[in-house]
């Protein structure tokens, strides 16, 4: 900054940059942890979804088989 004919020089030590870099590194590490956890949760959801679909198909197959038995037995719904 120039004041009249004088030139003022400010000599300062940068103490914030190292701390901000450290915070940035920690935040990147946290982001990677969250990403990894999200991928694992998504995988668990896919597995659970597949299991539920398998259970539903099994229940539907069982229901169909029991209806066939009832057709052969000739019972009413209440009697069956």
PDB file of N, CA and C in Angstrom:
ATOM      1  N   UNK A   1       0.861  -1.165   0.000  1.00  0.00           N
ATOM      2  CA  UNK A   1       0.000   0.000   0.000  1.00  0.00           C
ATOM      3  C   UNK A   1       0.907   1.227   0.000  1.00  0.00           C
ATOM      4  N   UNK A   2       0.540   2.216  -0.773  1.00  0.00           N
ATOM      5  CA  UNK A   2       1.372   3.409  -0.879  1.00  0.00           C
ATOM      6  C   UNK A   2       0.678   4.567  -0.186  1.00  0.00           C
ATOM      7  N   UNK A   3       1.370   5.192   0.760  1.00  0.00           N
ATOM      8  CA  UNK A   3       0.859   6.378   1.462  1.00  0.00           C
ATOM      9  C   UNK A   3       1.834   7.498   1.153  1.00  0.00           C
ATOM     10  N   UNK A   4       1.389   8.394   0.315  1.00  0.00           N
ATOM     11  CA  UNK A   4       2.291   9.469  -0.094  1.00  0.00           C
ATOM     12  C   UNK A   4       3.503   8.876  -0.777  1.00  0.00           C
ATOM     13  N   UNK A   5       4.653   9.221  -0.275  1.00  0.00           N
ATOM     14  CA  UNK A   5       5.887   8.696  -0.834  1.00  0.00           C
ATOM     15  C   UNK A   5       6.398   7.484  -0.063  1.00  0.00           C
ATOM     16  N   UNK A   6       5.674   7.087   1.006  1.00  0.00           N
ATOM     17  CA  UNK A   6       6.125   5.950   1.825  1.00  0.00           C
ATOM     18  C   UNK A   6       5.493   4.662   1.320  1.00  0.00           C
ATOM     19  N   UNK A   7       6.213   3.590   1.388  1.00  0.00           N
ATOM     20  CA  UNK A   7       5.707   2.273   1.028  1.00  0.00           C
ATOM     21  C   UNK A   7       5.675   1.447   2.309  1.00  0.00           C
ATOM     22  N   UNK A   8       4.498   0.883   2.596  1.00  0.00           N
ATOM     23  CA  UNK A   8       4.332   0.080   3.796  1.00  0.00           C
ATOM     24  C   UNK A   8       4.335  -1.396   3.381  1.00  0.00           C
ATOM     25  N   UNK A   9       5.163  -2.177   4.012  1.00  0.00           N
ATOM     26  CA  UNK A   9       5.240  -3.606   3.737  1.00  0.00           C
ATOM     27  C   UNK A   9       4.748  -4.355   4.969  1.00  0.00           C
ATOM     28  N   UNK A  10       3.876  -5.308   4.748  1.00  0.00           N
ATOM     29  CA  UNK A  10       3.359  -6.118   5.858  1.00  0.00           C
ATOM     30  C   UNK A  10       4.019  -7.487   5.768  1.00  0.00           C
ATOM     31  N   UNK A  11       4.660  -7.876   6.848  1.00  0.00           N
ATOM     32  CA  UNK A  11       5.313  -9.178   6.911  1.00  0.00           C
ATOM     33  C   UNK A  11       4.517 -10.020   7.907  1.00  0.00           C
ATOM     34  N   UNK A  12       3.853 -11.055   7.405  1.00  0.00           N
ATOM     35  CA  UNK A  12       3.009 -11.878   8.275  1.00  0.00           C
ATOM     36  C   UNK A  12       3.354 -13.345   8.070  1.00  0.00           C
ATOM     37  N   UNK A  13       3.168 -14.105   9.109  1.00  0.00           N
ATOM     38  CA  UNK A  13       3.405 -15.534   9.039  1.00  0.00           C
ATOM     39  C   UNK A  13       2.066 -16.234   8.789  1.00  0.00           C
ATOM     40  N   UNK A  14       2.037 -17.115   7.805  1.00  0.00           N
ATOM     41  CA  UNK A  14       0.820 -17.847   7.458  1.00  0.00           C
ATOM     42  C   UNK A  14       0.707 -19.081   8.362  1.00  0.00           C
ATOM     43  N   UNK A  15      -0.184 -19.009   9.336  1.00  0.00           N
ATOM     44  CA  UNK A  15      -0.395 -20.130  10.248  1.00  0.00           C
ATOM     45  C   UNK A  15      -1.685 -20.887   9.910  1.00  0.00           C
ATOM     46  N   UNK A  16      -2.514 -20.298   9.083  1.00  0.00           N
ATOM     47  CA  UNK A  16      -3.813 -20.902   8.798  1.00  0.00           C
ATOM     48  C   UNK A  16      -3.740 -21.976   7.717  1.00  0.00           C
ATOM     49  N   UNK A  17      -2.880 -21.833   6.735  1.00  0.00           N
ATOM     50  CA  UNK A  17      -2.855 -22.761   5.598  1.00  0.00           C
ATOM     51  C   UNK A  17      -2.607 -24.199   6.023  1.00  0.00           C
ATOM     52  N   UNK A  18      -1.668 -24.426   6.898  1.00  0.00           N
ATOM     53  CA  UNK A  18      -1.365 -25.792   7.346  1.00  0.00           C
ATOM     54  C   UNK A  18      -2.563 -26.402   8.067  1.00  0.00           C
ATOM     55  N   UNK A  19      -3.227 -25.604   8.895  1.00  0.00           N
ATOM     56  CA  UNK A  19      -4.396 -26.108   9.622  1.00  0.00           C
ATOM     57  C   UNK A  19      -5.546 -26.390   8.662  1.00  0.00           C
ATOM     58  N   UNK A  20      -5.745 -25.511   7.692  1.00  0.00           N
ATOM     59  CA  UNK A  20      -6.805 -25.731   6.705  1.00  0.00           C
ATOM     60  C   UNK A  20      -6.508 -26.962   5.847  1.00  0.00           C
ATOM     61  N   UNK A  21      -5.248 -27.171   5.496  1.00  0.00           N
ATOM     62  CA  UNK A  21      -4.876 -28.383   4.743  1.00  0.00           C
ATOM     63  C   UNK A  21      -5.172 -29.631   5.560  1.00  0.00           C
ATOM     64  N   UNK A  22      -4.866 -29.595   6.844  1.00  0.00           N
ATOM     65  CA  UNK A  22      -5.114 -30.721   7.735  1.00  0.00           C
ATOM     66  C   UNK A  22      -6.616 -31.014   7.830  1.00  0.00           C
ATOM     67  N   UNK A  23      -7.411 -29.963   7.962  1.00  0.00           N
ATOM     68  CA  UNK A  23      -8.867 -30.131   8.018  1.00  0.00           C
ATOM     69  C   UNK A  23      -9.375 -30.731   6.706  1.00  0.00           C
ATOM     70  N   UNK A  24      -8.849 -30.240   5.588  1.00  0.00           N
ATOM     71  CA  UNK A  24      -9.244 -30.769   4.284  1.00  0.00           C
ATOM     72  C   UNK A  24      -8.923 -32.250   4.146  1.00  0.00           C
ATOM     73  N   UNK A  25      -7.744 -32.661   4.619  1.00  0.00           N
ATOM     74  CA  UNK A  25      -7.363 -34.079   4.556  1.00  0.00           C
ATOM     75  C   UNK A  25      -8.296 -34.929   5.412  1.00  0.00           C
ATOM     76  N   UNK A  26      -8.644 -34.434   6.603  1.00  0.00           N
ATOM     77  CA  UNK A  26      -9.550 -35.178   7.480  1.00  0.00           C
ATOM     78  C   UNK A  26     -10.934 -35.295   6.850  1.00  0.00           C
ATOM     79  N   UNK A  27     -11.398 -34.228   6.220  1.00  0.00           N
ATOM     80  CA  UNK A  27     -12.711 -34.272   5.576  1.00  0.00           C
ATOM     81  C   UNK A  27     -12.706 -35.242   4.396  1.00  0.00           C
ATOM     82  N   UNK A  28     -11.613 -35.303   3.639  1.00  0.00           N
ATOM     83  CA  UNK A  28     -11.515 -36.269   2.537  1.00  0.00           C
ATOM     84  C   UNK A  28     -11.551 -37.691   3.071  1.00  0.00           C
ATOM     85  N   UNK A  29     -10.877 -37.925   4.196  1.00  0.00           N
ATOM     86  CA  UNK A  29     -10.902 -39.247   4.813  1.00  0.00           C
ATOM     87  C   UNK A  29     -12.302 -39.633   5.256  1.00  0.00           C
ATOM     88  N   UNK A  30     -13.013 -38.674   5.839  1.00  0.00           N
ATOM     89  CA  UNK A  30     -14.395 -38.935   6.269  1.00  0.00           C
ATOM     90  C   UNK A  30     -15.280 -39.223   5.064  1.00  0.00           C
ATOM     91  N   UNK A  31     -15.099 -38.479   3.993  1.00  0.00           N
ATOM     92  CA  UNK A  31     -15.907 -38.684   2.784  1.00  0.00           C
ATOM     93  C   UNK A  31     -15.687 -40.090   2.234  1.00  0.00           C
ATOM     94  N   UNK A  32     -14.432 -40.557   2.239  1.00  0.00           N
ATOM     95  CA  UNK A  32     -14.149 -41.909   1.756  1.00  0.00           C
ATOM     96  C   UNK A  32     -14.793 -42.953   2.661  1.00  0.00           C
ATOM     97  N   UNK A  33     -14.780 -42.708   3.975  1.00  0.00           N
ATOM     98  CA  UNK A  33     -15.418 -43.644   4.909  1.00  0.00           C
ATOM     99  C   UNK A  33     -16.921 -43.711   4.668  1.00  0.00           C
ATOM    100  N   UNK A  34     -17.555 -42.550   4.477  1.00  0.00           N
ATOM    101  CA  UNK A  34     -18.994 -42.515   4.215  1.00  0.00           C
ATOM    102  C   UNK A  34     -19.317 -43.205   2.897  1.00  0.00           C
ATOM    103  N   UNK A  35     -18.476 -43.005   1.898  1.00  0.00           N
ATOM    104  CA  UNK A  35     -18.700 -43.635   0.599  1.00  0.00           C
ATOM    105  C   UNK A  35     -18.604 -45.151   0.742  1.00  0.00           C
ATOM    106  N   UNK A  36     -17.600 -45.611   1.458  1.00  0.00           N
ATOM    107  CA  UNK A  36     -17.434 -47.051   1.664  1.00  0.00           C
ATOM    108  C   UNK A  36     -18.628 -47.629   2.419  1.00  0.00           C
ATOM    109  N   UNK A  37     -19.072 -46.934   3.457  1.00  0.00           N
ATOM    110  CA  UNK A  37     -20.226 -47.402   4.232  1.00  0.00           C
ATOM    111  C   UNK A  37     -21.475 -47.434   3.354  1.00  0.00           C
ATOM    112  N   UNK A  38     -21.645 -46.433   2.513  1.00  0.00           N
ATOM    113  CA  UNK A  38     -22.802 -46.384   1.621  1.00  0.00           C
ATOM    114  C   UNK A  38     -22.815 -47.549   0.644  1.00  0.00           C
ATOM    115  N   UNK A  39     -21.644 -47.881   0.116  1.00  0.00           N
ATOM    116  CA  UNK A  39     -21.553 -49.003  -0.828  1.00  0.00           C
ATOM    117  C   UNK A  39     -21.896 -50.304  -0.108  1.00  0.00           C
ATOM    118  N   UNK A  40     -21.390 -50.465   1.119  1.00  0.00           N
ATOM    119  CA  UNK A  40     -21.683 -51.684   1.883  1.00  0.00           C
ATOM    120  C   UNK A  40     -23.176 -51.774   2.202  1.00  0.00           C
ATOM    121  N   UNK A  41     -23.791 -50.644   2.564  1.00  0.00           N
ATOM    122  CA  UNK A  41     -25.224 -50.645   2.872  1.00  0.00           C
ATOM    123  C   UNK A  41     -26.048 -50.967   1.623  1.00  0.00           C
ATOM    124  N   UNK A  42     -25.616 -50.451   0.486  1.00  0.00           N
ATOM    125  CA  UNK A  42     -26.323 -50.731  -0.761  1.00  0.00           C
ATOM    126  C   UNK A  42     -26.237 -52.223  -1.079  1.00  0.00           C
ATOM    127  N   UNK A  43     -25.054 -52.813  -0.881  1.00  0.00           N
ATOM    128  CA  UNK A  43     -24.888 -54.250  -1.115  1.00  0.00           C
ATOM    129  C   UNK A  43     -25.785 -55.065  -0.204  1.00  0.00           C
ATOM    130  N   UNK A  44     -25.867 -54.660   1.061  1.00  0.00           N
ATOM    131  CA  UNK A  44     -26.735 -55.372   2.003  1.00  0.00           C
ATOM    132  C   UNK A  44     -28.199 -55.239   1.581  1.00  0.00           C
ATOM    133  N   UNK A  45     -28.566 -54.082   1.081  1.00  0.00           N
ATOM    134  CA  UNK A  45     -29.941 -53.868   0.611  1.00  0.00           C
ATOM    135  C   UNK A  45     -30.272 -54.755  -0.575  1.00  0.00           C
ATOM    136  N   UNK A  46     -29.318 -54.907  -1.480  1.00  0.00           N
ATOM    137  CA  UNK A  46     -29.534 -55.770  -2.643  1.00  0.00           C
ATOM    138  C   UNK A  46     -29.701 -57.221  -2.191  1.00  0.00           C
ATOM    139  N   UNK A  47     -28.856 -57.652  -1.256  1.00  0.00           N
ATOM    140  CA  UNK A  47     -28.946 -59.027  -0.746  1.00  0.00           C
ATOM    141  C   UNK A  47     -30.283 -59.245  -0.050  1.00  0.00           C
ATOM    142  N   UNK A  48     -30.668 -58.294   0.800  1.00  0.00           N
ATOM    143  CA  UNK A  48     -31.937 -58.404   1.517  1.00  0.00           C
ATOM    144  C   UNK A  48     -33.114 -58.409   0.542  1.00  0.00           C
ATOM    145  N   UNK A  49     -33.046 -57.534  -0.441  1.00  0.00           N
ATOM    146  CA  UNK A  49     -34.113 -57.485  -1.451  1.00  0.00           C
ATOM    147  C   UNK A  49     -34.233 -58.803  -2.190  1.00  0.00           C
ATOM    148  N   UNK A  50     -33.092 -59.389  -2.559  1.00  0.00           N
ATOM    149  CA  UNK A  50     -33.101 -60.682  -3.238  1.00  0.00           C
ATOM    150  C   UNK A  50     -33.696 -61.773  -2.363  1.00  0.00           C
ATOM    151  N   UNK A  51     -33.346 -61.732  -1.067  1.00  0.00           N
ATOM    152  CA  UNK A  51     -33.889 -62.725  -0.143  1.00  0.00           C
ATOM    153  C   UNK A  51     -35.405 -62.577  -0.014  1.00  0.00           C
ATOM    154  N   UNK A  52     -35.876 -61.338   0.062  1.00  0.00           N
ATOM    155  CA  UNK A  52     -37.319 -61.108   0.177  1.00  0.00           C
ATOM    156  C   UNK A  52     -38.054 -61.563  -1.079  1.00  0.00           C
ATOM    157  N   UNK A  53     -37.449 -61.333  -2.226  1.00  0.00           N
ATOM    158  CA  UNK A  53     -38.067 -61.791  -3.475  1.00  0.00           C
ATOM    159  C   UNK A  53     -38.129 -63.319  -3.481  1.00  0.00           C
ATOM    160  N   UNK A  54     -37.048 -63.947  -3.014  1.00  0.00           N
ATOM    161  CA  UNK A  54     -37.031 -65.409  -2.939  1.00  0.00           C
ATOM    162  C   UNK A  54     -38.095 -65.936  -1.995  1.00  0.00           C
ATOM    163  N   UNK A  55     -38.267 -65.270  -0.850  1.00  0.00           N
ATOM    164  CA  UNK A  55     -39.309 -65.685   0.097  1.00  0.00           C
ATOM    165  C   UNK A  55     -40.697 -65.514  -0.498  1.00  0.00           C
ATOM    166  N   UNK A  56     -40.922 -64.406  -1.167  1.00  0.00           N
ATOM    167  CA  UNK A  56     -42.232 -64.156  -1.773  1.00  0.00           C
ATOM    168  C   UNK A  56     -42.528 -65.194  -2.850  1.00  0.00           C
ATOM    169  N   UNK A  57     -41.521 -65.544  -3.654  1.00  0.00           N
ATOM    170  CA  UNK A  57     -41.724 -66.555  -4.686  1.00  0.00           C
ATOM    171  C   UNK A  57     -42.019 -67.912  -4.047  1.00  0.00           C
ATOM    172  N   UNK A  58     -41.290 -68.223  -2.975  1.00  0.00           N
ATOM    173  CA  UNK A  58     -41.525 -69.481  -2.274  1.00  0.00           C
ATOM    174  C   UNK A  58     -42.933 -69.547  -1.703  1.00  0.00           C
ATOM    175  N   UNK A  59     -43.397 -68.442  -1.138  1.00  0.00           N
ATOM    176  CA  UNK A  59     -44.750 -68.390  -0.586  1.00  0.00           C
ATOM    177  C   UNK A  59     -45.796 -68.535  -1.688  1.00  0.00           C
ATOM    178  N   UNK A  60     -45.549 -67.885  -2.822  1.00  0.00           N
ATOM    179  CA  UNK A  60     -46.489 -67.990  -3.950  1.00  0.00           C
ATOM    180  C   UNK A  60     -46.521 -69.417  -4.491  1.00  0.00           C
ATOM    181  N   UNK A  61     -45.343 -70.052  -4.582  1.00  0.00           N
ATOM    182  CA  UNK A  61     -45.291 -71.445  -5.054  1.00  0.00           C
ATOM    183  C   UNK A  61     -46.036 -72.372  -4.092  1.00  0.00           C
ATOM    184  N   UNK A  62     -45.853 -72.153  -2.797  1.00  0.00           N
ATOM    185  CA  UNK A  62     -46.534 -72.969  -1.789  1.00  0.00           C
ATOM    186  C   UNK A  62     -48.049 -72.790  -1.894  1.00  0.00           C
ATOM    187  N   UNK A  63     -48.476 -71.543  -2.041  1.00  0.00           N
ATOM    188  CA  UNK A  63     -49.912 -71.247  -2.176  1.00  0.00           C
ATOM    189  C   UNK A  63     -50.494 -71.969  -3.387  1.00  0.00           C
ATOM    190  N   UNK A  64     -49.782 -71.922  -4.514  1.00  0.00           N
ATOM    191  CA  UNK A  64     -50.250 -72.576  -5.732  1.00  0.00           C
ATOM    192  C   UNK A  64     -50.336 -74.094  -5.521  1.00  0.00           C
ATOM    193  N   UNK A  65     -49.321 -74.678  -4.881  1.00  0.00           N
ATOM    194  CA  UNK A  65     -49.334 -76.126  -4.633  1.00  0.00           C
ATOM    195  C   UNK A  65     -50.503 -76.511  -3.730  1.00  0.00           C
ATOM    196  N   UNK A  66     -50.771 -75.709  -2.709  1.00  0.00           N
ATOM    197  CA  UNK A  66     -51.876 -76.009  -1.799  1.00  0.00           C
ATOM    198  C   UNK A  66     -53.221 -75.878  -2.517  1.00  0.00           C
ATOM    199  N   UNK A  67     -53.337 -74.948  -3.434  1.00  0.00           N
ATOM    200  CA  UNK A  67     -54.575 -74.807  -4.214  1.00  0.00           C
ATOM    201  C   UNK A  67     -54.789 -76.048  -5.089  1.00  0.00           C
ATOM    202  N   UNK A  68     -53.696 -76.583  -5.643  1.00  0.00           N
ATOM    203  CA  UNK A  68     -53.805 -77.797  -6.446  1.00  0.00           C
ATOM    204  C   UNK A  68     -54.268 -78.975  -5.578  1.00  0.00           C
ATOM    205  N   UNK A  69     -53.728 -79.065  -4.364  1.00  0.00           N
ATOM    206  CA  UNK A  69     -54.145 -80.127  -3.439  1.00  0.00           C
ATOM    207  C   UNK A  69     -55.622 -79.978  -3.126  1.00  0.00           C
ATOM    208  N   UNK A  70     -56.045 -78.755  -2.879  1.00  0.00           N
ATOM    209  CA  UNK A  70     -57.446 -78.511  -2.560  1.00  0.00           C
ATOM    210  C   UNK A  70     -58.342 -78.857  -3.750  1.00  0.00           C
ATOM    211  N   UNK A  71     -57.873 -78.583  -4.958  1.00  0.00           N
ATOM    212  CA  UNK A  71     -58.653 -78.941  -6.144  1.00  0.00           C
ATOM    213  C   UNK A  71     -58.866 -80.448  -6.210  1.00  0.00           C
ATOM    214  N   UNK A  72     -57.816 -81.208  -5.898  1.00  0.00           N
ATOM    215  CA  UNK A  72     -57.928 -82.679  -5.914  1.00  0.00           C
ATOM    216  C   UNK A  72     -58.784 -83.186  -4.760  1.00  0.00           C
ATOM    217  N   UNK A  73     -58.685 -82.520  -3.606  1.00  0.00           N
ATOM    218  CA  UNK A  73     -59.446 -82.970  -2.441  1.00  0.00           C
ATOM    219  C   UNK A  73     -60.913 -82.571  -2.545  1.00  0.00           C
ATOM    220  N   UNK A  74     -61.197 -81.509  -3.287  1.00  0.00           N
ATOM    221  CA  UNK A  74     -62.581 -81.064  -3.471  1.00  0.00           C
ATOM    222  C   UNK A  74     -63.202 -80.453  -2.240  1.00  0.00           C
ATOM    223  N   UNK A  75     -62.406 -79.852  -1.386  1.00  0.00           N
ATOM    224  CA  UNK A  75     -62.915 -79.233  -0.164  1.00  0.00           C
ATOM    225  C   UNK A  75     -63.284 -77.778  -0.390  1.00  0.00           C
ATOM    226  N   UNK A  76     -64.150 -77.248   0.489  1.00  0.00           N
ATOM    227  CA  UNK A  76     -64.441 -75.809   0.447  1.00  0.00           C
ATOM    228  C   UNK A  76     -63.260 -75.082   1.052  1.00  0.00           C
ATOM    229  N   UNK A  77     -63.233 -73.777   0.873  1.00  0.00           N
ATOM    230  CA  UNK A  77     -62.165 -72.970   1.473  1.00  0.00           C
ATOM    231  C   UNK A  77     -62.124 -73.163   2.981  1.00  0.00           C
ATOM    232  N   UNK A  78     -63.292 -73.144   3.618  1.00  0.00           N
ATOM    233  CA  UNK A  78     -63.342 -73.307   5.059  1.00  0.00           C
ATOM    234  C   UNK A  78     -62.897 -74.710   5.477  1.00  0.00           C
ATOM    235  N   UNK A  79     -63.298 -75.705   4.733  1.00  0.00           N
ATOM    236  CA  UNK A  79     -62.944 -77.067   5.038  1.00  0.00           C
ATOM    237  C   UNK A  79     -61.478 -77.355   4.828  1.00  0.00           C
ATOM    238  N   UNK A  80     -60.898 -76.681   3.857  1.00  0.00           N
ATOM    239  CA  UNK A  80     -59.486 -76.876   3.557  1.00  0.00           C
ATOM    240  C   UNK A  80     -58.657 -76.250   4.623  1.00  0.00           C
TER     241      UNK A  80
END
